[in-house]
Amino acid sequence: MLRLIWNVVVLCGVSAVLTQCGTSSLGSGNLGGPTTEERDARIAAEPTGNFYYGRRYLVEKTRFWGYLRQPRESWNRAKLVIMREEKKSTPDRMSESGAPGQSYGFDANAEYRIHGYYTGREVYEPNSNQFLSEFMLTDYEMVDRQPGWLFRPEDHYDRLRITMVPR
């Protein structure tokens, strides 16, 4: 009986340590980038027009494209979208098993100026279990290859799970 109690105590201790490790890694950002003030100033000075700013957000096995927002609007108001590619393919429309930099998702976290429109449809993305807005892509241009954090300086990017959401 004493041995069973000892095993439970050790298991609880190991669980507590592992939980702390997981929590602390998510608390510090891994994307770098500008200060909050610099980001706010950059957004306030953006050109406006009939386009959106988009940030590619790649999470393996999902089929959403990333986040879109209006010019001069905070990223916290951005929407996660699924791109409809009837008129134009997304920049990373490549093989998923290609060489680094030449495969699907090579542009993770890149920022684009996105042209197109919302179709008004909500599309189910089964791997994230979400209904997301569908966006008809008509054109794009890269704005910044490494813009840093998306929503907060402490954003932590993980290719295997959704870790960045607006708040």
N, C-alpha and C. Protein backbone atom coordinates (compact mmCIF):
# COMPACT_ATOMS: atom_id res chain seq x y z
N MET A 1 0.83 -1.20 0.00
CA MET A 1 0.00 0.00 0.00
C MET A 1 0.87 1.26 0.00
N LEU A 2 1.94 1.23 0.80
CA LEU A 2 2.85 2.37 0.86
C LEU A 2 3.49 2.62 -0.50
N ARG A 3 3.81 1.55 -1.21
CA ARG A 3 4.41 1.66 -2.54
C ARG A 3 3.40 2.32 -3.52
N LEU A 4 2.14 1.96 -3.44
CA LEU A 4 1.11 2.54 -4.29
C LEU A 4 0.98 4.05 -4.04
N ILE A 5 0.98 4.44 -2.77
CA ILE A 5 0.90 5.87 -2.42
C ILE A 5 2.12 6.60 -2.96
N TRP A 6 3.30 6.00 -2.80
CA TRP A 6 4.55 6.61 -3.30
C TRP A 6 4.46 6.79 -4.83
N ASN A 7 3.97 5.79 -5.56
CA ASN A 7 3.84 5.90 -7.02
C ASN A 7 2.89 7.02 -7.42
N VAL A 8 1.79 7.16 -6.69
CA VAL A 8 0.83 8.23 -6.98
C VAL A 8 1.47 9.60 -6.72
N VAL A 9 2.20 9.74 -5.63
CA VAL A 9 2.88 11.01 -5.32
C VAL A 9 3.90 11.35 -6.40
N VAL A 10 4.69 10.38 -6.83
CA VAL A 10 5.70 10.62 -7.87
C VAL A 10 5.01 10.99 -9.18
N LEU A 11 3.95 10.27 -9.53
CA LEU A 11 3.22 10.57 -10.75
C LEU A 11 2.64 11.98 -10.73
N CYS A 12 2.08 12.38 -9.61
CA CYS A 12 1.54 13.75 -9.49
C CYS A 12 2.65 14.79 -9.62
N GLY A 13 3.78 14.52 -9.01
CA GLY A 13 4.92 15.45 -9.09
C GLY A 13 5.42 15.60 -10.52
N VAL A 14 5.57 14.49 -11.23
CA VAL A 14 6.02 14.52 -12.62
C VAL A 14 4.99 15.26 -13.48
N SER A 15 3.72 14.99 -13.25
CA SER A 15 2.66 15.67 -14.01
C SER A 15 2.71 17.18 -13.78
N ALA A 16 2.92 17.60 -12.55
CA ALA A 16 2.99 19.04 -12.24
C ALA A 16 4.17 19.69 -12.95
N VAL A 17 5.32 19.02 -12.96
CA VAL A 17 6.50 19.57 -13.63
C VAL A 17 6.26 19.66 -15.13
N LEU A 18 5.72 18.62 -15.74
CA LEU A 18 5.46 18.64 -17.17
C LEU A 18 4.43 19.69 -17.54
N THR A 19 3.42 19.87 -16.73
CA THR A 19 2.42 20.91 -16.98
C THR A 19 3.05 22.29 -16.93
N GLN A 20 3.91 22.54 -15.99
CA GLN A 20 4.60 23.83 -15.88
C GLN A 20 5.46 24.08 -17.11
N CYS A 21 6.16 23.05 -17.58
CA CYS A 21 7.01 23.21 -18.76
C CYS A 21 6.17 23.59 -19.97
N GLY A 22 5.06 22.91 -20.16
CA GLY A 22 4.19 23.21 -21.30
C GLY A 22 3.62 24.60 -21.23
N THR A 23 3.24 25.03 -20.06
CA THR A 23 2.65 26.34 -19.90
C THR A 23 3.67 27.44 -20.15
N SER A 24 4.88 27.29 -19.64
CA SER A 24 5.85 28.36 -19.78
C SER A 24 6.29 28.54 -21.23
N SER A 25 6.33 27.45 -22.02
CA SER A 25 6.75 27.62 -23.41
C SER A 25 5.70 28.39 -24.21
N LEU A 26 4.43 28.29 -23.82
CA LEU A 26 3.40 29.03 -24.54
C LEU A 26 3.33 30.48 -24.07
N GLY A 27 3.89 30.79 -22.93
CA GLY A 27 3.82 32.13 -22.40
C GLY A 27 4.76 33.10 -23.07
N SER A 28 5.84 32.60 -23.67
CA SER A 28 6.79 33.49 -24.32
C SER A 28 6.68 33.32 -25.82
N GLY A 29 6.71 34.43 -26.52
CA GLY A 29 6.55 34.40 -27.96
C GLY A 29 7.75 33.82 -28.67
N ASN A 30 7.53 33.29 -29.88
CA ASN A 30 8.64 32.77 -30.66
C ASN A 30 8.66 33.35 -32.08
N LEU A 31 7.94 34.46 -32.29
CA LEU A 31 7.87 35.05 -33.62
C LEU A 31 8.65 36.35 -33.76
N GLY A 32 9.06 36.94 -32.65
CA GLY A 32 9.78 38.21 -32.73
C GLY A 32 8.90 39.30 -33.29
N GLY A 33 9.51 40.39 -33.73
CA GLY A 33 8.75 41.45 -34.36
C GLY A 33 8.80 42.76 -33.61
N PRO A 34 7.98 43.70 -34.04
CA PRO A 34 8.01 45.06 -33.50
C PRO A 34 7.38 45.13 -32.11
N THR A 35 7.56 46.27 -31.48
CA THR A 35 6.86 46.52 -30.22
C THR A 35 5.38 46.74 -30.55
N THR A 36 4.55 46.71 -29.54
CA THR A 36 3.12 46.95 -29.74
C THR A 36 2.90 48.34 -30.33
N GLU A 37 3.64 49.32 -29.83
CA GLU A 37 3.50 50.70 -30.32
C GLU A 37 3.92 50.81 -31.78
N GLU A 38 5.02 50.15 -32.15
CA GLU A 38 5.47 50.18 -33.55
C GLU A 38 4.44 49.52 -34.46
N ARG A 39 3.88 48.40 -34.01
CA ARG A 39 2.86 47.72 -34.82
C ARG A 39 1.64 48.61 -34.99
N ASP A 40 1.17 49.23 -33.90
CA ASP A 40 0.00 50.11 -33.98
C ASP A 40 0.25 51.28 -34.93
N ALA A 41 1.45 51.86 -34.88
CA ALA A 41 1.79 52.98 -35.76
C ALA A 41 1.84 52.54 -37.22
N ARG A 42 2.39 51.36 -37.47
CA ARG A 42 2.48 50.83 -38.83
C ARG A 42 1.08 50.59 -39.40
N ILE A 43 0.18 50.03 -38.59
CA ILE A 43 -1.18 49.78 -39.04
C ILE A 43 -1.92 51.09 -39.30
N ALA A 44 -1.72 52.08 -38.43
CA ALA A 44 -2.39 53.37 -38.59
C ALA A 44 -1.95 54.10 -39.86
N ALA A 45 -0.72 53.82 -40.33
CA ALA A 45 -0.19 54.49 -41.51
C ALA A 45 -0.37 53.68 -42.80
N GLU A 46 -1.05 52.55 -42.74
CA GLU A 46 -1.21 51.69 -43.91
C GLU A 46 -2.00 52.37 -45.01
N PRO A 47 -1.65 52.07 -46.26
CA PRO A 47 -2.50 52.53 -47.35
C PRO A 47 -3.84 51.79 -47.29
N THR A 48 -4.87 52.45 -47.71
CA THR A 48 -6.18 51.82 -47.74
C THR A 48 -6.57 51.56 -49.19
N GLY A 49 -7.59 50.79 -49.37
CA GLY A 49 -8.04 50.49 -50.73
C GLY A 49 -8.99 49.31 -50.70
N ASN A 50 -9.25 48.79 -51.87
CA ASN A 50 -10.17 47.68 -52.02
C ASN A 50 -9.40 46.36 -51.92
N PHE A 51 -8.85 46.09 -50.77
CA PHE A 51 -8.07 44.88 -50.52
C PHE A 51 -8.07 44.60 -49.03
N TYR A 52 -7.48 43.50 -48.65
CA TYR A 52 -7.33 43.10 -47.25
C TYR A 52 -5.87 42.83 -46.98
N TYR A 53 -5.51 42.86 -45.72
CA TYR A 53 -4.19 42.37 -45.32
C TYR A 53 -4.40 40.96 -44.81
N GLY A 54 -3.54 40.07 -45.25
CA GLY A 54 -3.67 38.67 -44.87
C GLY A 54 -2.39 38.14 -44.28
N ARG A 55 -2.53 37.29 -43.30
CA ARG A 55 -1.37 36.63 -42.68
C ARG A 55 -1.56 35.14 -42.83
N ARG A 56 -0.64 34.52 -43.53
CA ARG A 56 -0.70 33.07 -43.72
C ARG A 56 -0.50 32.38 -42.38
N TYR A 57 -1.41 31.51 -42.03
CA TYR A 57 -1.34 30.78 -40.76
C TYR A 57 -1.45 29.29 -41.06
N LEU A 58 -0.34 28.64 -41.09
CA LEU A 58 -0.28 27.22 -41.42
C LEU A 58 -0.30 26.38 -40.16
N VAL A 59 -1.27 25.49 -40.08
CA VAL A 59 -1.31 24.45 -39.06
C VAL A 59 -1.50 23.16 -39.83
N GLU A 60 -0.56 22.25 -39.69
CA GLU A 60 -0.59 21.02 -40.49
C GLU A 60 -1.92 20.30 -40.36
N LYS A 61 -2.34 19.73 -41.48
CA LYS A 61 -3.57 18.96 -41.63
C LYS A 61 -4.84 19.81 -41.65
N THR A 62 -4.72 21.13 -41.54
CA THR A 62 -5.89 21.99 -41.67
C THR A 62 -5.89 22.58 -43.07
N ARG A 63 -7.04 23.09 -43.49
CA ARG A 63 -7.14 23.66 -44.83
C ARG A 63 -7.58 25.11 -44.82
N PHE A 64 -7.55 25.74 -43.65
CA PHE A 64 -7.78 27.18 -43.68
C PHE A 64 -6.52 27.83 -44.21
N TRP A 65 -6.65 29.08 -44.72
CA TRP A 65 -5.49 29.75 -45.28
C TRP A 65 -4.78 30.60 -44.23
N GLY A 66 -5.54 31.40 -43.51
CA GLY A 66 -4.96 32.30 -42.54
C GLY A 66 -5.96 33.38 -42.18
N TYR A 67 -5.44 34.48 -41.65
CA TYR A 67 -6.27 35.57 -41.16
C TYR A 67 -6.30 36.73 -42.15
N LEU A 68 -7.48 37.35 -42.30
CA LEU A 68 -7.64 38.55 -43.12
C LEU A 68 -8.23 39.67 -42.28
N ARG A 69 -7.79 40.88 -42.57
CA ARG A 69 -8.33 42.06 -41.91
C ARG A 69 -8.39 43.22 -42.89
N GLN A 70 -9.22 44.20 -42.59
CA GLN A 70 -9.31 45.43 -43.37
C GLN A 70 -8.06 46.29 -43.13
N PRO A 71 -7.67 47.11 -44.10
CA PRO A 71 -6.57 48.05 -43.86
C PRO A 71 -6.87 48.95 -42.65
N ARG A 72 -5.86 49.23 -41.89
CA ARG A 72 -5.90 50.08 -40.70
C ARG A 72 -6.75 49.50 -39.56
N GLU A 73 -7.12 48.25 -39.67
CA GLU A 73 -7.88 47.57 -38.62
C GLU A 73 -6.92 46.67 -37.84
N SER A 74 -7.13 46.56 -36.55
CA SER A 74 -6.29 45.73 -35.70
C SER A 74 -6.35 44.26 -36.13
N TRP A 75 -5.26 43.54 -35.94
CA TRP A 75 -5.27 42.11 -36.21
C TRP A 75 -6.26 41.39 -35.30
N ASN A 76 -6.56 41.96 -34.16
CA ASN A 76 -7.52 41.34 -33.25
C ASN A 76 -8.93 41.26 -33.86
N ARG A 77 -9.18 41.98 -34.93
CA ARG A 77 -10.48 41.93 -35.61
C ARG A 77 -10.42 41.04 -36.85
N ALA A 78 -9.28 40.41 -37.09
CA ALA A 78 -9.10 39.57 -38.28
C ALA A 78 -9.96 38.32 -38.21
N LYS A 79 -10.27 37.78 -39.39
CA LYS A 79 -11.06 36.55 -39.50
C LYS A 79 -10.21 35.44 -40.10
N LEU A 80 -10.30 34.27 -39.53
CA LEU A 80 -9.67 33.09 -40.10
C LEU A 80 -10.53 32.64 -41.28
N VAL A 81 -9.91 32.43 -42.45
CA VAL A 81 -10.67 32.14 -43.66
C VAL A 81 -10.17 30.90 -44.38
N ILE A 82 -11.07 30.38 -45.19
CA ILE A 82 -10.72 29.35 -46.17
C ILE A 82 -10.75 30.04 -47.52
N MET A 83 -9.68 29.91 -48.28
CA MET A 83 -9.61 30.55 -49.59
C MET A 83 -10.27 29.67 -50.65
N ARG A 84 -11.06 30.31 -51.47
CA ARG A 84 -11.62 29.66 -52.66
C ARG A 84 -10.72 30.07 -53.81
N GLU A 85 -10.21 29.11 -54.55
CA GLU A 85 -9.16 29.38 -55.53
C GLU A 85 -9.61 29.21 -56.99
N GLU A 86 -10.87 29.45 -57.27
CA GLU A 86 -11.34 29.33 -58.65
C GLU A 86 -10.71 30.36 -59.58
N LYS A 87 -10.45 31.55 -59.05
CA LYS A 87 -9.94 32.63 -59.88
C LYS A 87 -8.43 32.81 -59.76
N LYS A 88 -7.88 32.43 -58.63
CA LYS A 88 -6.43 32.57 -58.41
C LYS A 88 -6.03 31.57 -57.33
N SER A 89 -4.91 30.89 -57.54
CA SER A 89 -4.40 29.96 -56.53
C SER A 89 -3.63 30.71 -55.46
N THR A 90 -3.63 30.18 -54.26
CA THR A 90 -2.86 30.79 -53.18
C THR A 90 -1.37 30.66 -53.48
N PRO A 91 -0.54 31.51 -52.89
CA PRO A 91 0.89 31.49 -53.18
C PRO A 91 1.57 30.15 -52.89
N ASP A 92 1.07 29.43 -51.92
CA ASP A 92 1.74 28.19 -51.53
C ASP A 92 1.10 26.95 -52.15
N ARG A 93 0.39 27.11 -53.25
CA ARG A 93 -0.27 25.98 -53.89
C ARG A 93 0.79 25.10 -54.56
N MET A 94 1.47 24.32 -53.72
CA MET A 94 2.55 23.44 -54.17
C MET A 94 2.39 22.08 -53.50
N SER A 95 3.23 21.15 -53.86
CA SER A 95 3.22 19.83 -53.25
C SER A 95 3.49 19.93 -51.75
N GLU A 96 2.84 19.08 -50.98
CA GLU A 96 3.07 19.07 -49.54
C GLU A 96 4.37 18.37 -49.17
N SER A 97 4.99 17.70 -50.13
CA SER A 97 6.24 16.98 -49.83
C SER A 97 7.42 17.53 -50.61
N GLY A 98 7.33 18.77 -51.05
CA GLY A 98 8.43 19.38 -51.80
C GLY A 98 9.59 19.78 -50.91
N ALA A 99 10.61 20.29 -51.54
CA ALA A 99 11.79 20.76 -50.82
C ALA A 99 11.45 21.97 -49.96
N PRO A 100 12.21 22.21 -48.88
CA PRO A 100 11.96 23.39 -48.05
C PRO A 100 11.95 24.67 -48.91
N GLY A 101 10.96 25.51 -48.67
CA GLY A 101 10.83 26.74 -49.44
C GLY A 101 10.12 26.54 -50.76
N GLN A 102 9.85 25.28 -51.13
CA GLN A 102 9.19 24.98 -52.39
C GLN A 102 8.05 23.99 -52.16
N SER A 103 7.37 24.13 -51.02
CA SER A 103 6.28 23.22 -50.71
C SER A 103 5.13 23.98 -50.06
N TYR A 104 4.01 23.31 -50.00
CA TYR A 104 2.81 23.87 -49.37
C TYR A 104 3.16 24.42 -47.99
N GLY A 105 2.77 25.66 -47.74
CA GLY A 105 3.01 26.26 -46.43
C GLY A 105 4.37 26.91 -46.28
N PHE A 106 5.13 27.06 -47.37
CA PHE A 106 6.46 27.67 -47.26
C PHE A 106 6.38 29.08 -46.72
N ASP A 107 5.23 29.71 -46.85
CA ASP A 107 5.07 31.11 -46.48
C ASP A 107 4.37 31.31 -45.13
N ALA A 108 4.50 30.32 -44.25
CA ALA A 108 3.87 30.44 -42.93
C ALA A 108 4.26 31.75 -42.27
N ASN A 109 3.27 32.50 -41.82
CA ASN A 109 3.38 33.79 -41.13
C ASN A 109 3.74 34.95 -42.06
N ALA A 110 3.85 34.75 -43.34
CA ALA A 110 4.10 35.87 -44.26
C ALA A 110 2.84 36.73 -44.34
N GLU A 111 3.06 38.03 -44.58
CA GLU A 111 1.95 38.96 -44.70
C GLU A 111 1.75 39.36 -46.15
N TYR A 112 0.50 39.39 -46.58
CA TYR A 112 0.14 39.68 -47.97
C TYR A 112 -0.89 40.80 -48.04
N ARG A 113 -0.92 41.45 -49.19
CA ARG A 113 -2.05 42.30 -49.55
C ARG A 113 -2.92 41.39 -50.42
N ILE A 114 -4.15 41.15 -49.99
CA ILE A 114 -5.03 40.17 -50.60
C ILE A 114 -6.19 40.86 -51.30
N HIS A 115 -6.42 40.50 -52.55
CA HIS A 115 -7.55 41.04 -53.31
C HIS A 115 -8.58 39.94 -53.50
N GLY A 116 -9.83 40.33 -53.41
CA GLY A 116 -10.91 39.37 -53.57
C GLY A 116 -12.10 39.80 -52.75
N TYR A 117 -12.95 38.84 -52.41
CA TYR A 117 -14.16 39.18 -51.68
C TYR A 117 -14.67 37.96 -50.91
N TYR A 118 -15.41 38.26 -49.86
CA TYR A 118 -16.07 37.20 -49.11
C TYR A 118 -17.26 36.71 -49.92
N THR A 119 -17.43 35.40 -50.02
CA THR A 119 -18.52 34.84 -50.82
C THR A 119 -19.84 34.85 -50.07
N GLY A 120 -19.81 35.02 -48.77
CA GLY A 120 -21.01 34.95 -47.96
C GLY A 120 -21.28 33.55 -47.43
N ARG A 121 -20.46 32.59 -47.83
CA ARG A 121 -20.62 31.21 -47.36
C ARG A 121 -19.75 30.94 -46.16
N GLU A 122 -20.24 30.09 -45.29
CA GLU A 122 -19.45 29.54 -44.19
C GLU A 122 -19.09 28.12 -44.59
N VAL A 123 -17.83 27.76 -44.45
CA VAL A 123 -17.34 26.46 -44.89
C VAL A 123 -16.80 25.70 -43.68
N TYR A 124 -17.15 24.44 -43.59
CA TYR A 124 -16.68 23.61 -42.47
C TYR A 124 -15.26 23.13 -42.74
N GLU A 125 -14.38 23.35 -41.79
CA GLU A 125 -13.00 22.86 -41.86
C GLU A 125 -12.91 21.74 -40.83
N PRO A 126 -12.95 20.47 -41.26
CA PRO A 126 -13.09 19.36 -40.32
C PRO A 126 -11.92 19.14 -39.36
N ASN A 127 -10.72 19.45 -39.78
CA ASN A 127 -9.58 19.16 -38.91
C ASN A 127 -9.43 20.13 -37.75
N SER A 128 -10.06 21.30 -37.86
CA SER A 128 -10.07 22.23 -36.72
C SER A 128 -11.47 22.32 -36.11
N ASN A 129 -12.44 21.63 -36.73
CA ASN A 129 -13.82 21.61 -36.26
C ASN A 129 -14.40 23.02 -36.16
N GLN A 130 -14.21 23.79 -37.24
CA GLN A 130 -14.70 25.17 -37.27
C GLN A 130 -15.46 25.44 -38.56
N PHE A 131 -16.45 26.32 -38.49
CA PHE A 131 -17.07 26.89 -39.67
C PHE A 131 -16.40 28.24 -39.89
N LEU A 132 -15.82 28.42 -41.07
CA LEU A 132 -15.05 29.62 -41.37
C LEU A 132 -15.59 30.32 -42.61
N SER A 133 -15.35 31.62 -42.68
CA SER A 133 -15.77 32.39 -43.84
C SER A 133 -14.96 31.97 -45.06
N GLU A 134 -15.65 31.91 -46.19
CA GLU A 134 -15.00 31.58 -47.46
C GLU A 134 -14.64 32.88 -48.17
N PHE A 135 -13.43 32.96 -48.68
CA PHE A 135 -12.95 34.15 -49.36
C PHE A 135 -12.52 33.77 -50.76
N MET A 136 -13.05 34.48 -51.77
CA MET A 136 -12.68 34.25 -53.17
C MET A 136 -11.43 35.08 -53.48
N LEU A 137 -10.33 34.43 -53.67
CA LEU A 137 -9.07 35.09 -53.96
C LEU A 137 -9.00 35.47 -55.43
N THR A 138 -8.67 36.74 -55.71
CA THR A 138 -8.49 37.17 -57.09
C THR A 138 -7.05 37.60 -57.38
N ASP A 139 -6.31 38.01 -56.34
CA ASP A 139 -4.91 38.38 -56.53
C ASP A 139 -4.26 38.58 -55.17
N TYR A 140 -2.94 38.63 -55.16
CA TYR A 140 -2.21 38.86 -53.91
C TYR A 140 -0.82 39.40 -54.22
N GLU A 141 -0.23 40.03 -53.24
CA GLU A 141 1.18 40.43 -53.32
C GLU A 141 1.77 40.34 -51.92
N MET A 142 2.99 39.85 -51.84
CA MET A 142 3.64 39.73 -50.54
C MET A 142 4.01 41.12 -50.04
N VAL A 143 3.76 41.37 -48.76
CA VAL A 143 4.09 42.65 -48.13
C VAL A 143 5.32 42.49 -47.25
N ASP A 144 5.36 41.40 -46.48
CA ASP A 144 6.45 41.20 -45.52
C ASP A 144 6.63 39.70 -45.29
N ARG A 145 7.83 39.21 -45.50
CA ARG A 145 8.12 37.78 -45.33
C ARG A 145 8.18 37.37 -43.87
N GLN A 146 8.63 38.27 -42.98
CA GLN A 146 8.77 37.96 -41.56
C GLN A 146 8.25 39.12 -40.71
N PRO A 147 6.94 39.28 -40.64
CA PRO A 147 6.39 40.42 -39.91
C PRO A 147 6.37 40.27 -38.39
N GLY A 148 6.73 39.11 -37.88
CA GLY A 148 6.72 38.91 -36.43
C GLY A 148 5.37 38.44 -35.92
N TRP A 149 5.13 38.74 -34.65
CA TRP A 149 3.91 38.29 -33.98
C TRP A 149 2.66 38.76 -34.70
N LEU A 150 1.56 38.04 -34.46
CA LEU A 150 0.30 38.33 -35.15
C LEU A 150 -0.67 39.11 -34.27
N PHE A 151 -1.04 38.56 -33.12
CA PHE A 151 -2.02 39.20 -32.25
C PHE A 151 -1.40 39.86 -31.03
N ARG A 152 -0.38 39.25 -30.46
CA ARG A 152 0.30 39.76 -29.27
C ARG A 152 1.79 39.41 -29.35
N PRO A 153 2.65 40.20 -28.74
CA PRO A 153 4.08 39.88 -28.77
C PRO A 153 4.40 38.50 -28.19
N GLU A 154 3.55 37.99 -27.31
CA GLU A 154 3.81 36.68 -26.72
C GLU A 154 3.23 35.52 -27.54
N ASP A 155 2.78 35.79 -28.79
CA ASP A 155 2.30 34.72 -29.65
C ASP A 155 3.34 33.62 -29.77
N HIS A 156 2.85 32.40 -29.71
CA HIS A 156 3.72 31.24 -29.86
C HIS A 156 3.20 30.41 -31.02
N TYR A 157 4.00 30.27 -32.07
CA TYR A 157 3.59 29.52 -33.25
C TYR A 157 3.99 28.05 -33.11
N ASP A 158 3.05 27.18 -33.46
CA ASP A 158 3.28 25.74 -33.46
C ASP A 158 2.62 25.19 -34.72
N ARG A 159 3.37 24.58 -35.60
CA ARG A 159 2.85 24.04 -36.87
C ARG A 159 1.81 22.94 -36.67
N LEU A 160 1.77 22.34 -35.48
CA LEU A 160 0.93 21.17 -35.27
C LEU A 160 -0.40 21.45 -34.57
N ARG A 161 -0.57 22.67 -34.06
CA ARG A 161 -1.84 22.97 -33.39
C ARG A 161 -2.13 24.46 -33.44
N ILE A 162 -3.40 24.80 -33.28
CA ILE A 162 -3.82 26.20 -33.32
C ILE A 162 -3.44 26.85 -32.00
N THR A 163 -2.52 27.78 -32.06
CA THR A 163 -2.07 28.47 -30.84
C THR A 163 -2.32 29.98 -30.92
N MET A 164 -2.67 30.49 -32.08
CA MET A 164 -2.84 31.94 -32.22
C MET A 164 -4.26 32.26 -32.64
N VAL A 165 -4.99 32.94 -31.76
CA VAL A 165 -6.36 33.36 -32.03
C VAL A 165 -6.52 34.79 -31.53
N PRO A 166 -7.34 35.60 -32.22
CA PRO A 166 -7.54 36.98 -31.76
C PRO A 166 -8.27 37.00 -30.43
N ARG A 167 -7.95 38.00 -29.61
CA ARG A 167 -8.64 38.18 -28.30
C ARG A 167 -9.01 39.62 -28.13
